[in-house]
Amino acid sequence: MENQHQKYDRLLEHIRLFCEKEKEIRAVMIVGSRARADGSADVWSDLDLVLFSTKPDKYLSSEDWVREIGP
């Protein structure tokens, strides 16, 4: 059975693949508790991301891109 750490790794891989194919996305930054080097994120911590895009309206006006990353 997949543990929580493996699930986040798999999710990050889906995000990486998505962002690589979207030419408007220039960078992605993990922020919040999952970004801390001290390992203070627990199993209830979510994954906070900041996308840097040349076309932010494409990502702000619809949630379809989130579904493309995965469930």
N, C-alpha and C. Protein backbone atom coordinates (compact mmCIF):
# COMPACT_ATOMS: atom_id res chain seq x y z
N MET A 1 0.84 -1.19 0.00
CA MET A 1 0.00 0.00 0.00
C MET A 1 0.89 1.25 0.00
N GLU A 2 0.45 2.23 -0.74
CA GLU A 2 1.21 3.46 -0.89
C GLU A 2 1.10 4.33 0.36
N ASN A 3 2.24 4.82 0.88
CA ASN A 3 2.18 5.69 2.04
C ASN A 3 2.00 7.15 1.60
N GLN A 4 1.79 8.02 2.55
CA GLN A 4 1.51 9.43 2.26
C GLN A 4 2.66 10.09 1.48
N HIS A 5 3.88 9.79 1.86
CA HIS A 5 5.04 10.37 1.18
C HIS A 5 5.06 9.95 -0.30
N GLN A 6 4.77 8.70 -0.57
CA GLN A 6 4.74 8.21 -1.95
C GLN A 6 3.62 8.86 -2.75
N LYS A 7 2.49 9.12 -2.10
CA LYS A 7 1.38 9.79 -2.78
C LYS A 7 1.77 11.20 -3.20
N TYR A 8 2.44 11.93 -2.32
CA TYR A 8 2.88 13.28 -2.66
C TYR A 8 3.93 13.24 -3.76
N ASP A 9 4.82 12.27 -3.71
CA ASP A 9 5.82 12.12 -4.78
C ASP A 9 5.15 11.88 -6.12
N ARG A 10 4.13 11.03 -6.14
CA ARG A 10 3.41 10.73 -7.37
C ARG A 10 2.67 11.97 -7.87
N LEU A 11 2.04 12.70 -6.95
CA LEU A 11 1.35 13.94 -7.32
C LEU A 11 2.33 14.96 -7.89
N LEU A 12 3.48 15.11 -7.27
CA LEU A 12 4.49 16.05 -7.77
C LEU A 12 4.97 15.66 -9.16
N GLU A 13 5.07 14.38 -9.42
CA GLU A 13 5.46 13.92 -10.75
C GLU A 13 4.39 14.28 -11.78
N HIS A 14 3.11 14.13 -11.43
CA HIS A 14 2.02 14.52 -12.33
C HIS A 14 2.07 16.03 -12.61
N ILE A 15 2.33 16.79 -11.58
CA ILE A 15 2.42 18.25 -11.72
C ILE A 15 3.60 18.61 -12.61
N ARG A 16 4.74 17.97 -12.39
CA ARG A 16 5.93 18.25 -13.20
C ARG A 16 5.66 17.97 -14.67
N LEU A 17 5.07 16.82 -14.97
CA LEU A 17 4.78 16.46 -16.35
C LEU A 17 3.80 17.45 -16.99
N PHE A 18 2.79 17.85 -16.23
CA PHE A 18 1.82 18.83 -16.74
C PHE A 18 2.52 20.14 -17.07
N CYS A 19 3.32 20.63 -16.14
CA CYS A 19 3.97 21.93 -16.31
C CYS A 19 5.00 21.92 -17.44
N GLU A 20 5.64 20.79 -17.67
CA GLU A 20 6.60 20.70 -18.76
C GLU A 20 5.93 20.86 -20.13
N LYS A 21 4.68 20.39 -20.25
CA LYS A 21 4.02 20.48 -21.54
C LYS A 21 3.27 21.80 -21.74
N GLU A 22 3.07 22.56 -20.68
CA GLU A 22 2.38 23.85 -20.77
C GLU A 22 3.42 24.94 -20.95
N LYS A 23 3.58 25.42 -22.17
CA LYS A 23 4.65 26.37 -22.46
C LYS A 23 4.51 27.70 -21.73
N GLU A 24 3.29 28.03 -21.28
CA GLU A 24 3.09 29.30 -20.56
C GLU A 24 3.61 29.26 -19.12
N ILE A 25 3.74 28.08 -18.56
CA ILE A 25 4.21 27.95 -17.18
C ILE A 25 5.72 28.05 -17.18
N ARG A 26 6.22 29.04 -16.47
CA ARG A 26 7.67 29.28 -16.42
C ARG A 26 8.32 28.70 -15.18
N ALA A 27 7.55 28.57 -14.10
CA ALA A 27 8.10 28.03 -12.86
C ALA A 27 6.96 27.59 -11.95
N VAL A 28 7.28 26.69 -11.05
CA VAL A 28 6.35 26.24 -10.01
C VAL A 28 7.12 26.24 -8.70
N MET A 29 6.50 26.77 -7.68
CA MET A 29 7.16 26.83 -6.38
C MET A 29 6.26 26.16 -5.32
N ILE A 30 6.86 25.27 -4.56
CA ILE A 30 6.16 24.69 -3.42
C ILE A 30 6.36 25.63 -2.24
N VAL A 31 5.26 26.01 -1.60
CA VAL A 31 5.31 26.89 -0.44
C VAL A 31 4.56 26.23 0.71
N GLY A 32 4.61 26.82 1.87
CA GLY A 32 3.89 26.27 3.02
C GLY A 32 4.69 25.19 3.74
N SER A 33 3.98 24.41 4.52
CA SER A 33 4.65 23.43 5.38
C SER A 33 5.41 22.36 4.60
N ARG A 34 4.96 22.01 3.42
CA ARG A 34 5.66 20.99 2.61
C ARG A 34 6.98 21.52 2.05
N ALA A 35 7.17 22.83 2.05
CA ALA A 35 8.41 23.43 1.55
C ALA A 35 9.47 23.55 2.64
N ARG A 36 9.09 23.35 3.87
CA ARG A 36 10.04 23.51 4.97
C ARG A 36 11.05 22.37 5.03
N ALA A 37 12.29 22.73 5.22
CA ALA A 37 13.36 21.74 5.29
C ALA A 37 13.34 20.95 6.60
N ASP A 38 12.63 21.47 7.61
CA ASP A 38 12.64 20.80 8.91
C ASP A 38 11.70 19.60 8.98
N GLY A 39 10.98 19.33 7.88
CA GLY A 39 10.10 18.17 7.86
C GLY A 39 8.89 18.30 8.74
N SER A 40 8.43 19.52 9.00
CA SER A 40 7.33 19.73 9.93
C SER A 40 5.95 19.43 9.33
N ALA A 41 5.88 19.16 8.04
CA ALA A 41 4.59 18.80 7.44
C ALA A 41 4.16 17.44 7.96
N ASP A 42 2.88 17.32 8.27
CA ASP A 42 2.37 16.03 8.74
C ASP A 42 1.45 15.43 7.68
N VAL A 43 0.82 14.32 7.98
CA VAL A 43 -0.03 13.64 7.00
C VAL A 43 -1.24 14.48 6.60
N TRP A 44 -1.60 15.48 7.40
CA TRP A 44 -2.75 16.32 7.09
C TRP A 44 -2.36 17.57 6.29
N SER A 45 -1.09 17.78 6.10
CA SER A 45 -0.62 18.97 5.38
C SER A 45 -0.97 18.87 3.90
N ASP A 46 -1.46 19.98 3.37
CA ASP A 46 -1.76 19.99 1.94
C ASP A 46 -0.52 20.41 1.15
N LEU A 47 -0.66 20.47 -0.14
CA LEU A 47 0.44 20.85 -1.01
C LEU A 47 0.11 22.20 -1.62
N ASP A 48 0.82 23.22 -1.19
CA ASP A 48 0.59 24.58 -1.69
C ASP A 48 1.59 24.88 -2.78
N LEU A 49 1.07 25.26 -3.95
CA LEU A 49 1.91 25.56 -5.10
C LEU A 49 1.63 26.97 -5.61
N VAL A 50 2.65 27.60 -6.14
CA VAL A 50 2.51 28.87 -6.85
C VAL A 50 2.99 28.62 -8.26
N LEU A 51 2.11 28.88 -9.23
CA LEU A 51 2.47 28.75 -10.64
C LEU A 51 2.83 30.12 -11.19
N PHE A 52 3.91 30.20 -11.93
CA PHE A 52 4.31 31.43 -12.60
C PHE A 52 4.06 31.21 -14.09
N SER A 53 3.15 31.99 -14.65
CA SER A 53 2.73 31.79 -16.02
C SER A 53 2.70 33.10 -16.79
N THR A 54 2.97 33.00 -18.08
CA THR A 54 2.86 34.18 -18.94
C THR A 54 1.40 34.45 -19.31
N LYS A 55 0.52 33.48 -19.03
CA LYS A 55 -0.92 33.63 -19.29
C LYS A 55 -1.71 33.20 -18.05
N PRO A 56 -1.64 33.97 -16.98
CA PRO A 56 -2.30 33.55 -15.74
C PRO A 56 -3.81 33.40 -15.87
N ASP A 57 -4.45 34.20 -16.73
CA ASP A 57 -5.90 34.09 -16.88
C ASP A 57 -6.34 32.70 -17.33
N LYS A 58 -5.50 32.03 -18.10
CA LYS A 58 -5.81 30.67 -18.54
C LYS A 58 -6.02 29.75 -17.34
N TYR A 59 -5.28 29.97 -16.28
CA TYR A 59 -5.34 29.11 -15.10
C TYR A 59 -6.27 29.65 -14.02
N LEU A 60 -6.55 30.94 -14.07
CA LEU A 60 -7.46 31.54 -13.09
C LEU A 60 -8.92 31.44 -13.50
N SER A 61 -9.18 31.36 -14.79
CA SER A 61 -10.56 31.40 -15.28
C SER A 61 -11.24 30.03 -15.32
N SER A 62 -10.47 28.96 -15.13
CA SER A 62 -11.03 27.62 -15.22
C SER A 62 -10.25 26.67 -14.32
N GLU A 63 -10.93 25.63 -13.87
CA GLU A 63 -10.28 24.59 -13.07
C GLU A 63 -9.99 23.34 -13.90
N ASP A 64 -10.23 23.41 -15.19
CA ASP A 64 -10.03 22.24 -16.05
C ASP A 64 -8.58 21.74 -16.00
N TRP A 65 -7.64 22.65 -15.89
CA TRP A 65 -6.23 22.26 -15.87
C TRP A 65 -5.90 21.44 -14.63
N VAL A 66 -6.59 21.69 -13.54
CA VAL A 66 -6.35 20.92 -12.31
C VAL A 66 -6.77 19.46 -12.53
N ARG A 67 -7.91 19.27 -13.19
CA ARG A 67 -8.38 17.91 -13.48
C ARG A 67 -7.41 17.17 -14.40
N GLU A 68 -6.73 17.94 -15.25
CA GLU A 68 -5.76 17.33 -16.16
C GLU A 68 -4.57 16.74 -15.40
N ILE A 69 -4.24 17.33 -14.27
CA ILE A 69 -3.13 16.81 -13.45
C ILE A 69 -3.51 15.48 -12.83
N GLY A 70 -4.75 15.37 -12.37
CA GLY A 70 -5.20 14.12 -11.80
C GLY A 70 -6.23 14.34 -10.72
N PRO A 71 -6.81 13.24 -10.25
CA PRO A 71 -7.86 13.34 -9.21
C PRO A 71 -7.30 13.77 -7.86
